[in-house]
Amino acid sequence: MPINLRLAQLGDSAWLYIVINCKSTPELHRIQNLAQTLTFQVKPKGVQYFLPMGEWRAKL
């Protein structure tokens, strides 16, 4: 099942937690309802979906 379809089914119960600066001053970012908030890039092999930092940071 494609990730966007599954995330759309989950709606507000889908969350993405991103932690940055783990070694110095950790920052936790939470994003709810990913299907309506973010745009994922489909990647071949290995990494199947990629979320650029600018994409999620713009939604905070």
C-alpha atoms as a PDB file:
ATOM      1  CA  MET A   1       0.000   0.000   0.000  1.00  0.00           C
ATOM      2  CA  PRO A   2       1.484   3.396  -0.923  1.00  0.00           C
ATOM      3  CA  ILE A   3       2.521   5.507   2.068  1.00  0.00           C
ATOM      4  CA  ASN A   4       0.266   8.451   1.169  1.00  0.00           C
ATOM      5  CA  LEU A   5      -2.797   6.198   0.974  1.00  0.00           C
ATOM      6  CA  ARG A   6      -2.026   4.597   4.337  1.00  0.00           C
ATOM      7  CA  LEU A   7      -1.351   7.977   5.955  1.00  0.00           C
ATOM      8  CA  ALA A   8      -4.615   9.333   4.540  1.00  0.00           C
ATOM      9  CA  GLN A   9      -6.452   6.418   6.168  1.00  0.00           C
ATOM     10  CA  LEU A  10      -4.817   7.157   9.519  1.00  0.00           C
ATOM     11  CA  GLY A  11      -5.668  10.878   9.358  1.00  0.00           C
ATOM     12  CA  ASP A  12      -5.089  12.692  12.655  1.00  0.00           C
ATOM     13  CA  SER A  13      -3.822   9.526  14.345  1.00  0.00           C
ATOM     14  CA  ALA A  14      -0.679   9.578  12.148  1.00  0.00           C
ATOM     15  CA  TRP A  15       2.268  11.441  13.682  1.00  0.00           C
ATOM     16  CA  LEU A  16       5.854  11.992  12.605  1.00  0.00           C
ATOM     17  CA  TYR A  17       8.411  12.718  15.321  1.00  0.00           C
ATOM     18  CA  ILE A  18      11.710  14.257  14.233  1.00  0.00           C
ATOM     19  CA  VAL A  19      14.605  14.847  16.627  1.00  0.00           C
ATOM     20  CA  ILE A  20      17.504  17.041  15.501  1.00  0.00           C
ATOM     21  CA  ASN A  21      20.672  18.281  17.239  1.00  0.00           C
ATOM     22  CA  CYS A  22      20.814  15.119  19.345  1.00  0.00           C
ATOM     23  CA  LYS A  23      24.420  15.675  20.484  1.00  0.00           C
ATOM     24  CA  SER A  24      24.041  19.304  21.552  1.00  0.00           C
ATOM     25  CA  THR A  25      20.611  20.790  22.239  1.00  0.00           C
ATOM     26  CA  PRO A  26      17.994  18.270  21.084  1.00  0.00           C
ATOM     27  CA  GLU A  27      14.875  19.635  19.418  1.00  0.00           C
ATOM     28  CA  LEU A  28      11.699  17.577  19.029  1.00  0.00           C
ATOM     29  CA  HIS A  29       9.373  18.384  16.145  1.00  0.00           C
ATOM     30  CA  ARG A  30       5.940  16.735  15.875  1.00  0.00           C
ATOM     31  CA  ILE A  31       3.795  16.759  12.750  1.00  0.00           C
ATOM     32  CA  GLN A  32       0.240  15.391  12.738  1.00  0.00           C
ATOM     33  CA  ASN A  33      -1.795  14.142   9.763  1.00  0.00           C
ATOM     34  CA  LEU A  34       1.098  13.705   7.355  1.00  0.00           C
ATOM     35  CA  ALA A  35      -1.008  13.021   4.268  1.00  0.00           C
ATOM     36  CA  GLN A  36      -2.492  16.526   4.392  1.00  0.00           C
ATOM     37  CA  THR A  37       0.656  18.252   5.636  1.00  0.00           C
ATOM     38  CA  LEU A  38       3.691  16.858   3.796  1.00  0.00           C
ATOM     39  CA  THR A  39       4.744  15.786   0.324  1.00  0.00           C
ATOM     40  CA  PHE A  40       6.990  12.717   0.157  1.00  0.00           C
ATOM     41  CA  GLN A  41       9.283  11.951  -2.761  1.00  0.00           C
ATOM     42  CA  VAL A  42       9.168   8.317  -3.955  1.00  0.00           C
ATOM     43  CA  LYS A  43      12.688   6.886  -4.273  1.00  0.00           C
ATOM     44  CA  PRO A  44      13.745   3.673  -6.046  1.00  0.00           C
ATOM     45  CA  LYS A  45      15.417   0.884  -4.063  1.00  0.00           C
ATOM     46  CA  GLY A  46      16.763   1.152  -0.530  1.00  0.00           C
ATOM     47  CA  VAL A  47      15.083   4.321   0.694  1.00  0.00           C
ATOM     48  CA  GLN A  48      11.500   4.131  -0.517  1.00  0.00           C
ATOM     49  CA  TYR A  49      10.324   7.580   0.567  1.00  0.00           C
ATOM     50  CA  PHE A  50      12.352  10.701   1.254  1.00  0.00           C
ATOM     51  CA  LEU A  51      11.226  13.773   3.151  1.00  0.00           C
ATOM     52  CA  PRO A  52      13.510  16.773   2.561  1.00  0.00           C
ATOM     53  CA  MET A  53      14.265  18.854   5.669  1.00  0.00           C
ATOM     54  CA  GLY A  54      12.823  21.967   4.061  1.00  0.00           C
ATOM     55  CA  GLU A  55       9.512  20.173   3.478  1.00  0.00           C
ATOM     56  CA  TRP A  56       8.831  19.352   7.135  1.00  0.00           C
ATOM     57  CA  ARG A  57      10.429  22.505   8.578  1.00  0.00           C
ATOM     58  CA  ALA A  58       8.112  24.684   6.461  1.00  0.00           C
ATOM     59  CA  LYS A  59       5.082  22.981   8.064  1.00  0.00           C
ATOM     60  CA  LEU A  60       6.016  23.725  11.701  1.00  0.00           C
END
